[in-house]
C-alpha atoms as a PDB file:
ATOM      1  CA  UNK A   1      23.012 -21.100  19.734  1.00  0.00           C
ATOM      2  CA  UNK A   2      25.958 -22.604  18.736  1.00  0.00           C
ATOM      3  CA  UNK A   3      25.242 -25.892  17.315  1.00  0.00           C
ATOM      4  CA  UNK A   4      27.481 -29.124  16.915  1.00  0.00           C
ATOM      5  CA  UNK A   5      28.387 -30.745  13.771  1.00  0.00           C
ATOM      6  CA  UNK A   6      30.278 -34.434  13.666  1.00  0.00           C
ATOM      7  CA  UNK A   7      33.193 -34.245  12.012  1.00  0.00           C
ATOM      8  CA  UNK A   8      33.820 -37.349   9.267  1.00  0.00           C
ATOM      9  CA  UNK A   9      30.970 -38.814  11.579  1.00  0.00           C
ATOM     10  CA  UNK A  10      32.264 -39.297  15.382  1.00  0.00           C
ATOM     11  CA  UNK A  11      35.904 -39.470  14.020  1.00  0.00           C
ATOM     12  CA  UNK A  12      37.261 -39.698  17.645  1.00  0.00           C
ATOM     13  CA  UNK A  13      34.675 -42.142  18.367  1.00  0.00           C
ATOM     14  CA  UNK A  14      34.453 -44.832  15.524  1.00  0.00           C
ATOM     15  CA  UNK A  15      36.281 -45.410  12.314  1.00  0.00           C
ATOM     16  CA  UNK A  16      36.029 -41.906  10.085  1.00  0.00           C
ATOM     17  CA  UNK A  17      33.739 -41.287   7.502  1.00  0.00           C
ATOM     18  CA  UNK A  18      32.026 -45.124   7.756  1.00  0.00           C
ATOM     19  CA  UNK A  19      28.553 -45.703   8.261  1.00  0.00           C
ATOM     20  CA  UNK A  20      29.596 -46.660  12.141  1.00  0.00           C
ATOM     21  CA  UNK A  21      30.605 -43.074  13.181  1.00  0.00           C
ATOM     22  CA  UNK A  22      28.055 -41.764  10.997  1.00  0.00           C
ATOM     23  CA  UNK A  23      25.154 -43.698  13.651  1.00  0.00           C
ATOM     24  CA  UNK A  24      27.725 -43.187  16.422  1.00  0.00           C
ATOM     25  CA  UNK A  25      27.282 -39.449  15.582  1.00  0.00           C
ATOM     26  CA  UNK A  26      23.362 -39.569  15.526  1.00  0.00           C
ATOM     27  CA  UNK A  27      23.313 -41.454  18.743  1.00  0.00           C
ATOM     28  CA  UNK A  28      25.046 -39.118  20.771  1.00  0.00           C
ATOM     29  CA  UNK A  29      21.886 -36.612  19.466  1.00  0.00           C
ATOM     30  CA  UNK A  30      23.732 -34.135  16.548  1.00  0.00           C
ATOM     31  CA  UNK A  31      21.994 -34.498  13.580  1.00  0.00           C
ATOM     32  CA  UNK A  32      24.637 -32.649  11.510  1.00  0.00           C
ATOM     33  CA  UNK A  33      27.362 -33.787   9.830  1.00  0.00           C
ATOM     34  CA  UNK A  34      30.802 -33.146   7.841  1.00  0.00           C
ATOM     35  CA  UNK A  35      32.468 -35.755   5.789  1.00  0.00           C
ATOM     36  CA  UNK A  36      35.073 -35.550   2.651  1.00  0.00           C
ATOM     37  CA  UNK A  37      34.029 -37.302  -1.347  1.00  0.00           C
ATOM     38  CA  UNK A  38      35.722 -38.479  -3.759  1.00  0.00           C
ATOM     39  CA  UNK A  39      34.565 -40.098  -6.950  1.00  0.00           C
ATOM     40  CA  UNK A  40      35.349 -43.679  -7.630  1.00  0.00           C
ATOM     41  CA  UNK A  41      36.755 -44.908 -11.155  1.00  0.00           C
ATOM     42  CA  UNK A  42      33.011 -44.981 -12.450  1.00  0.00           C
ATOM     43  CA  UNK A  43      32.038 -41.811 -11.171  1.00  0.00           C
ATOM     44  CA  UNK A  44      30.387 -42.743  -8.096  1.00  0.00           C
ATOM     45  CA  UNK A  45      30.671 -40.290  -4.660  1.00  0.00           C
ATOM     46  CA  UNK A  46      32.317 -42.304  -2.181  1.00  0.00           C
ATOM     47  CA  UNK A  47      32.760 -40.953   1.403  1.00  0.00           C
ATOM     48  CA  UNK A  48      36.633 -41.358   1.917  1.00  0.00           C
ATOM     49  CA  UNK A  49      38.789 -37.945   3.213  1.00  0.00           C
ATOM     50  CA  UNK A  50      42.532 -39.275   1.694  1.00  0.00           C
ATOM     51  CA  UNK A  51      42.402 -39.625  -2.168  1.00  0.00           C
ATOM     52  CA  UNK A  52      44.592 -42.868  -1.540  1.00  0.00           C
ATOM     53  CA  UNK A  53      43.191 -45.729   0.640  1.00  0.00           C
ATOM     54  CA  UNK A  54      46.544 -46.189   2.614  1.00  0.00           C
ATOM     55  CA  UNK A  55      46.041 -44.752   5.787  1.00  0.00           C
ATOM     56  CA  UNK A  56      42.066 -46.049   6.372  1.00  0.00           C
ATOM     57  CA  UNK A  57      42.428 -49.042   4.704  1.00  0.00           C
ATOM     58  CA  UNK A  58      45.769 -50.238   4.482  1.00  0.00           C
ATOM     59  CA  UNK A  59      45.913 -51.014   0.743  1.00  0.00           C
ATOM     60  CA  UNK A  60      47.545 -49.213  -2.118  1.00  0.00           C
ATOM     61  CA  UNK A  61      46.487 -47.263  -4.913  1.00  0.00           C
ATOM     62  CA  UNK A  62      44.094 -44.033  -5.173  1.00  0.00           C
ATOM     63  CA  UNK A  63      40.369 -43.849  -4.833  1.00  0.00           C
ATOM     64  CA  UNK A  64      39.809 -43.167  -8.265  1.00  0.00           C
ATOM     65  CA  UNK A  65      42.065 -45.890  -9.771  1.00  0.00           C
ATOM     66  CA  UNK A  66      39.076 -48.690  -8.063  1.00  0.00           C
ATOM     67  CA  UNK A  67      35.328 -48.599  -9.073  1.00  0.00           C
ATOM     68  CA  UNK A  68      32.648 -48.056  -6.292  1.00  0.00           C
ATOM     69  CA  UNK A  69      31.552 -51.778  -5.964  1.00  0.00           C
ATOM     70  CA  UNK A  70      35.181 -52.559  -5.149  1.00  0.00           C
ATOM     71  CA  UNK A  71      35.792 -49.826  -3.125  1.00  0.00           C
ATOM     72  CA  UNK A  72      32.661 -50.581  -0.987  1.00  0.00           C
ATOM     73  CA  UNK A  73      34.089 -53.571   0.269  1.00  0.00           C
ATOM     74  CA  UNK A  74      37.492 -51.942   1.932  1.00  0.00           C
ATOM     75  CA  UNK A  75      37.466 -52.456   5.064  1.00  0.00           C
ATOM     76  CA  UNK A  76      38.410 -48.585   6.340  1.00  0.00           C
ATOM     77  CA  UNK A  77      38.830 -48.772  10.085  1.00  0.00           C
ATOM     78  CA  UNK A  78      42.887 -48.408  10.292  1.00  0.00           C
ATOM     79  CA  UNK A  79      44.240 -45.733  11.990  1.00  0.00           C
ATOM     80  CA  UNK A  80      41.239 -44.839  14.397  1.00  0.00           C
ATOM     81  CA  UNK A  81      40.066 -45.497  17.659  1.00  0.00           C
ATOM     82  CA  UNK A  82      40.138 -49.346  17.944  1.00  0.00           C
ATOM     83  CA  UNK A  83      36.811 -51.495  16.094  1.00  0.00           C
ATOM     84  CA  UNK A  84      35.919 -54.803  16.609  1.00  0.00           C
ATOM     85  CA  UNK A  85      34.378 -54.880  13.173  1.00  0.00           C
ATOM     86  CA  UNK A  86      34.791 -54.437   9.652  1.00  0.00           C
ATOM     87  CA  UNK A  87      33.330 -50.592   8.816  1.00  0.00           C
ATOM     88  CA  UNK A  88      33.413 -50.355   4.992  1.00  0.00           C
ATOM     89  CA  UNK A  89      34.160 -47.210   2.692  1.00  0.00           C
ATOM     90  CA  UNK A  90      30.896 -45.791   1.998  1.00  0.00           C
ATOM     91  CA  UNK A  91      28.932 -44.674  -0.743  1.00  0.00           C
ATOM     92  CA  UNK A  92      27.626 -41.533   0.073  1.00  0.00           C
ATOM     93  CA  UNK A  93      23.997 -42.599  -1.288  1.00  0.00           C
ATOM     94  CA  UNK A  94      24.290 -45.297   1.407  1.00  0.00           C
ATOM     95  CA  UNK A  95      24.372 -42.584   4.023  1.00  0.00           C
ATOM     96  CA  UNK A  96      21.641 -40.580   2.716  1.00  0.00           C
ATOM     97  CA  UNK A  97      19.394 -43.660   2.558  1.00  0.00           C
ATOM     98  CA  UNK A  98      20.315 -44.866   6.001  1.00  0.00           C
ATOM     99  CA  UNK A  99      21.197 -41.508   8.139  1.00  0.00           C
ATOM    100  CA  UNK A 100      18.829 -38.717   8.905  1.00  0.00           C
ATOM    101  CA  UNK A 101      20.976 -36.102   9.064  1.00  0.00           C
ATOM    102  CA  UNK A 102      19.398 -32.747   9.063  1.00  0.00           C
ATOM    103  CA  UNK A 103      22.198 -30.685   7.591  1.00  0.00           C
ATOM    104  CA  UNK A 104      25.898 -32.073   5.736  1.00  0.00           C
ATOM    105  CA  UNK A 105      28.509 -30.675   4.876  1.00  0.00           C
ATOM    106  CA  UNK A 106      29.825 -32.195   1.838  1.00  0.00           C
ATOM    107  CA  UNK A 107      33.389 -31.270   1.578  1.00  0.00           C
ATOM    108  CA  UNK A 108      35.318 -31.736  -1.928  1.00  0.00           C
ATOM    109  CA  UNK A 109      38.981 -31.732  -1.865  1.00  0.00           C
ATOM    110  CA  UNK A 110      40.781 -30.652  -4.542  1.00  0.00           C
ATOM    111  CA  UNK A 111      40.125 -31.264  -7.905  1.00  0.00           C
ATOM    112  CA  UNK A 112      41.150 -30.602 -11.986  1.00  0.00           C
ATOM    113  CA  UNK A 113      38.307 -28.745 -13.560  1.00  0.00           C
ATOM    114  CA  UNK A 114      37.082 -31.797 -15.452  1.00  0.00           C
ATOM    115  CA  UNK A 115      36.601 -33.843 -11.962  1.00  0.00           C
ATOM    116  CA  UNK A 116      35.319 -30.907 -10.058  1.00  0.00           C
ATOM    117  CA  UNK A 117      32.447 -30.634 -12.584  1.00  0.00           C
ATOM    118  CA  UNK A 118      31.923 -33.822 -12.062  1.00  0.00           C
ATOM    119  CA  UNK A 119      31.462 -34.037  -8.510  1.00  0.00           C
ATOM    120  CA  UNK A 120      29.584 -31.438  -7.708  1.00  0.00           C
ATOM    121  CA  UNK A 121      26.929 -32.630 -10.582  1.00  0.00           C
ATOM    122  CA  UNK A 122      27.119 -36.222  -9.604  1.00  0.00           C
ATOM    123  CA  UNK A 123      26.019 -34.348  -5.907  1.00  0.00           C
ATOM    124  CA  UNK A 124      23.399 -32.039  -7.276  1.00  0.00           C
ATOM    125  CA  UNK A 125      21.657 -35.266  -9.031  1.00  0.00           C
ATOM    126  CA  UNK A 126      22.053 -37.569  -5.827  1.00  0.00           C
ATOM    127  CA  UNK A 127      21.065 -34.250  -3.482  1.00  0.00           C
ATOM    128  CA  UNK A 128      17.539 -34.185  -6.195  1.00  0.00           C
ATOM    129  CA  UNK A 129      17.196 -37.566  -5.550  1.00  0.00           C
ATOM    130  CA  UNK A 130      17.167 -37.942  -2.058  1.00  0.00           C
ATOM    131  CA  UNK A 131      15.166 -34.250  -1.602  1.00  0.00           C
ATOM    132  CA  UNK A 132      17.811 -33.343   0.463  1.00  0.00           C
ATOM    133  CA  UNK A 133      19.085 -30.370  -1.787  1.00  0.00           C
ATOM    134  CA  UNK A 134      17.905 -27.805   1.208  1.00  0.00           C
ATOM    135  CA  UNK A 135      19.692 -29.600   3.819  1.00  0.00           C
ATOM    136  CA  UNK A 136      23.590 -29.927   1.837  1.00  0.00           C
ATOM    137  CA  UNK A 137      26.301 -27.320   1.707  1.00  0.00           C
ATOM    138  CA  UNK A 138      29.120 -28.229  -0.768  1.00  0.00           C
ATOM    139  CA  UNK A 139      32.457 -26.911   1.128  1.00  0.00           C
ATOM    140  CA  UNK A 140      36.131 -26.620  -0.541  1.00  0.00           C
ATOM    141  CA  UNK A 141      39.327 -25.089  -0.135  1.00  0.00           C
ATOM    142  CA  UNK A 142      39.637 -25.423  -4.241  1.00  0.00           C
ATOM    143  CA  UNK A 143      38.743 -22.590  -6.417  1.00  0.00           C
ATOM    144  CA  UNK A 144      37.930 -25.299  -9.031  1.00  0.00           C
ATOM    145  CA  UNK A 145      35.098 -26.633  -7.012  1.00  0.00           C
ATOM    146  CA  UNK A 146      33.979 -23.315  -6.062  1.00  0.00           C
ATOM    147  CA  UNK A 147      34.131 -22.091  -9.507  1.00  0.00           C
ATOM    148  CA  UNK A 148      32.071 -25.450 -10.453  1.00  0.00           C
ATOM    149  CA  UNK A 149      29.462 -24.991  -7.534  1.00  0.00           C
ATOM    150  CA  UNK A 150      28.633 -21.054  -9.517  1.00  0.00           C
ATOM    151  CA  UNK A 151      29.233 -22.577 -12.894  1.00  0.00           C
ATOM    152  CA  UNK A 152      27.144 -25.550 -13.139  1.00  0.00           C
ATOM    153  CA  UNK A 153      25.018 -26.400  -9.681  1.00  0.00           C
ATOM    154  CA  UNK A 154      24.185 -22.325  -8.646  1.00  0.00           C
ATOM    155  CA  UNK A 155      21.146 -23.804  -6.710  1.00  0.00           C
ATOM    156  CA  UNK A 156      23.432 -25.437  -4.161  1.00  0.00           C
ATOM    157  CA  UNK A 157      24.649 -23.705  -1.156  1.00  0.00           C
ATOM    158  CA  UNK A 158      28.086 -23.448  -1.126  1.00  0.00           C
ATOM    159  CA  UNK A 159      30.960 -22.828   1.723  1.00  0.00           C
ATOM    160  CA  UNK A 160      34.879 -22.219   1.460  1.00  0.00           C
ATOM    161  CA  UNK A 161      36.656 -24.330   3.411  1.00  0.00           C
ATOM    162  CA  UNK A 162      39.765 -21.794   5.156  1.00  0.00           C
ATOM    163  CA  UNK A 163      42.717 -22.980   6.766  1.00  0.00           C
ATOM    164  CA  UNK A 164      45.129 -20.531   6.764  1.00  0.00           C
ATOM    165  CA  UNK A 165      44.252 -16.331   5.842  1.00  0.00           C
ATOM    166  CA  UNK A 166      47.155 -15.751   3.191  1.00  0.00           C
ATOM    167  CA  UNK A 167      43.817 -14.276   1.523  1.00  0.00           C
ATOM    168  CA  UNK A 168      41.131 -12.803   2.977  1.00  0.00           C
ATOM    169  CA  UNK A 169      38.821 -15.575   3.757  1.00  0.00           C
ATOM    170  CA  UNK A 170      35.618 -13.775   4.385  1.00  0.00           C
ATOM    171  CA  UNK A 171      36.336 -11.900   0.568  1.00  0.00           C
ATOM    172  CA  UNK A 172      36.942 -15.113  -1.017  1.00  0.00           C
ATOM    173  CA  UNK A 173      34.153 -16.772   0.086  1.00  0.00           C
ATOM    174  CA  UNK A 174      32.120 -13.797  -0.911  1.00  0.00           C
ATOM    175  CA  UNK A 175      33.405 -13.821  -4.096  1.00  0.00           C
ATOM    176  CA  UNK A 176      32.441 -17.386  -4.459  1.00  0.00           C
ATOM    177  CA  UNK A 177      28.797 -17.201  -3.458  1.00  0.00           C
ATOM    178  CA  UNK A 178      29.463 -18.778  -0.257  1.00  0.00           C
ATOM    179  CA  UNK A 179      27.123 -18.802   2.471  1.00  0.00           C
ATOM    180  CA  UNK A 180      29.485 -20.605   5.225  1.00  0.00           C
ATOM    181  CA  UNK A 181      32.742 -20.071   5.897  1.00  0.00           C
ATOM    182  CA  UNK A 182      34.450 -23.307   7.294  1.00  0.00           C
ATOM    183  CA  UNK A 183      37.385 -21.737   9.299  1.00  0.00           C
ATOM    184  CA  UNK A 184      40.397 -23.520  11.302  1.00  0.00           C
ATOM    185  CA  UNK A 185      39.719 -22.391  14.705  1.00  0.00           C
ATOM    186  CA  UNK A 186      43.363 -21.079  15.052  1.00  0.00           C
ATOM    187  CA  UNK A 187      41.185 -18.484  12.154  1.00  0.00           C
ATOM    188  CA  UNK A 188      38.609 -17.830  14.229  1.00  0.00           C
ATOM    189  CA  UNK A 189      39.125 -14.309  16.018  1.00  0.00           C
ATOM    190  CA  UNK A 190      36.382 -12.515  17.692  1.00  0.00           C
ATOM    191  CA  UNK A 191      37.293 -10.099  15.050  1.00  0.00           C
ATOM    192  CA  UNK A 192      36.971 -12.095  12.038  1.00  0.00           C
ATOM    193  CA  UNK A 193      33.820 -13.960  13.138  1.00  0.00           C
ATOM    194  CA  UNK A 194      31.821 -10.806  13.679  1.00  0.00           C
ATOM    195  CA  UNK A 195      33.020  -9.420  10.011  1.00  0.00           C
ATOM    196  CA  UNK A 196      31.691 -12.571   8.688  1.00  0.00           C
ATOM    197  CA  UNK A 197      28.738 -12.909  10.072  1.00  0.00           C
ATOM    198  CA  UNK A 198      27.517  -9.294   9.348  1.00  0.00           C
ATOM    199  CA  UNK A 199      28.539 -10.339   5.625  1.00  0.00           C
ATOM    200  CA  UNK A 200      26.041 -13.070   6.256  1.00  0.00           C
ATOM    201  CA  UNK A 201      28.037 -16.393   6.245  1.00  0.00           C
ATOM    202  CA  UNK A 202      27.386 -19.177   8.817  1.00  0.00           C
ATOM    203  CA  UNK A 203      30.771 -19.703  10.620  1.00  0.00           C
ATOM    204  CA  UNK A 204      31.792 -23.448  11.139  1.00  0.00           C
ATOM    205  CA  UNK A 205      34.964 -23.660  13.489  1.00  0.00           C
ATOM    206  CA  UNK A 206      36.817 -26.840  12.891  1.00  0.00           C
ATOM    207  CA  UNK A 207      38.422 -29.404  14.379  1.00  0.00           C
ATOM    208  CA  UNK A 208      37.545 -28.603  17.996  1.00  0.00           C
ATOM    209  CA  UNK A 209      37.812 -31.012  20.349  1.00  0.00           C
ATOM    210  CA  UNK A 210      38.840 -30.069  23.886  1.00  0.00           C
ATOM    211  CA  UNK A 211      35.617 -29.127  26.207  1.00  0.00           C
ATOM    212  CA  UNK A 212      37.123 -25.594  26.834  1.00  0.00           C
ATOM    213  CA  UNK A 213      37.216 -24.473  23.285  1.00  0.00           C
ATOM    214  CA  UNK A 214      33.887 -25.388  22.634  1.00  0.00           C
ATOM    215  CA  UNK A 215      33.029 -23.525  25.694  1.00  0.00           C
ATOM    216  CA  UNK A 216      35.172 -20.180  24.496  1.00  0.00           C
ATOM    217  CA  UNK A 217      34.065 -20.604  20.825  1.00  0.00           C
ATOM    218  CA  UNK A 218      30.283 -20.442  21.954  1.00  0.00           C
ATOM    219  CA  UNK A 219      31.033 -17.699  23.830  1.00  0.00           C
ATOM    220  CA  UNK A 220      32.404 -15.822  20.832  1.00  0.00           C
ATOM    221  CA  UNK A 221      28.954 -16.739  19.458  1.00  0.00           C
ATOM    222  CA  UNK A 222      30.007 -19.108  16.226  1.00  0.00           C
ATOM    223  CA  UNK A 223      27.209 -20.425  14.307  1.00  0.00           C
ATOM    224  CA  UNK A 224      28.605 -23.977  14.833  1.00  0.00           C
ATOM    225  CA  UNK A 225      31.758 -26.409  15.634  1.00  0.00           C
ATOM    226  CA  UNK A 226      33.018 -29.304  13.893  1.00  0.00           C
ATOM    227  CA  UNK A 227      34.275 -31.781  16.244  1.00  0.00           C
ATOM    228  CA  UNK A 228      35.539 -35.290  16.002  1.00  0.00           C
ATOM    229  CA  UNK A 229      33.890 -35.772  19.912  1.00  0.00           C
ATOM    230  CA  UNK A 230      29.647 -35.365  19.421  1.00  0.00           C
ATOM    231  CA  UNK A 231      29.556 -36.878  22.564  1.00  0.00           C
ATOM    232  CA  UNK A 232      31.285 -34.297  24.442  1.00  0.00           C
ATOM    233  CA  UNK A 233      30.247 -31.380  22.823  1.00  0.00           C
ATOM    234  CA  UNK A 234      27.094 -32.334  23.533  1.00  0.00           C
ATOM    235  CA  UNK A 235      27.359 -32.527  27.154  1.00  0.00           C
ATOM    236  CA  UNK A 236      29.563 -29.530  27.011  1.00  0.00           C
ATOM    237  CA  UNK A 237      27.432 -27.207  25.411  1.00  0.00           C
ATOM    238  CA  UNK A 238      24.560 -28.086  27.014  1.00  0.00           C
ATOM    239  CA  UNK A 239      25.391 -27.083  30.101  1.00  0.00           C
END
C-alpha cells in the first residue's frame, strides 16, 4: 500500500511550509509530511525551503542572518496559491506542538560541517523533547549532513534525497546507513525500486502531482509518494 506525504504541507493548496499548509494536509486525511529546515541566527529550527527569504516573503537576506523571533513574524504566502490571511514562517517546534503527524520527513539542505552538526543535534533535542524520535526521518542530499547524522545522532532515522543518478543512489544511501531513499520520480524505474526495497530501503518518490503518475507509481509498488496535492492523492489512491 502506497502511503502519502504532503510536500511542504500541502504546497499546491496553501502557502508552503506554513502552519496553514500542514493543517490543510491533515484536513485532507494525510498524516505524513515532508518539510525543509534551516537554522536561524540564534540556532532555532525554522521551516522554510530556500536559504533566502525573497521567494516566499519578499524580504531580503538569508534565513541565517535573522533571529527566530523575527523570522516567525514574516508573512510567507508569496509565490504560492492565493491566500487571504498572513501565514508566518513557523518554528519546527510550533509544528511539533500543533500538528499530529504520524511521520515527518525533515529535509536539511546542504550545510557546512559546523552547521550540519548544529542542525542535526537541534533536531534530535527537539524530537526527544516531544517524544517523536521514532516518528522522524532526517533527509538530505548533502553528504555533510548525512555524515553528521551518522556521527552525532546515530539513533535518528535518516534518508538520502536523490535528484540525479550521477552516483548509484542506492549505494550512496546504504553507505550512509539510510533506511529511506527519497527519489525524484524521474529516477524511479521498476528495477531501481525493486533493488532499493530488497536492500531494505523505504522508497519515497517526489514530487508527484498528476493522478495518472500517482497511479502508475503506486502500481510499481513505491512505498510512498510526496505530493503538493494531498487531497488529490487521497482521492486518486483510495479508488
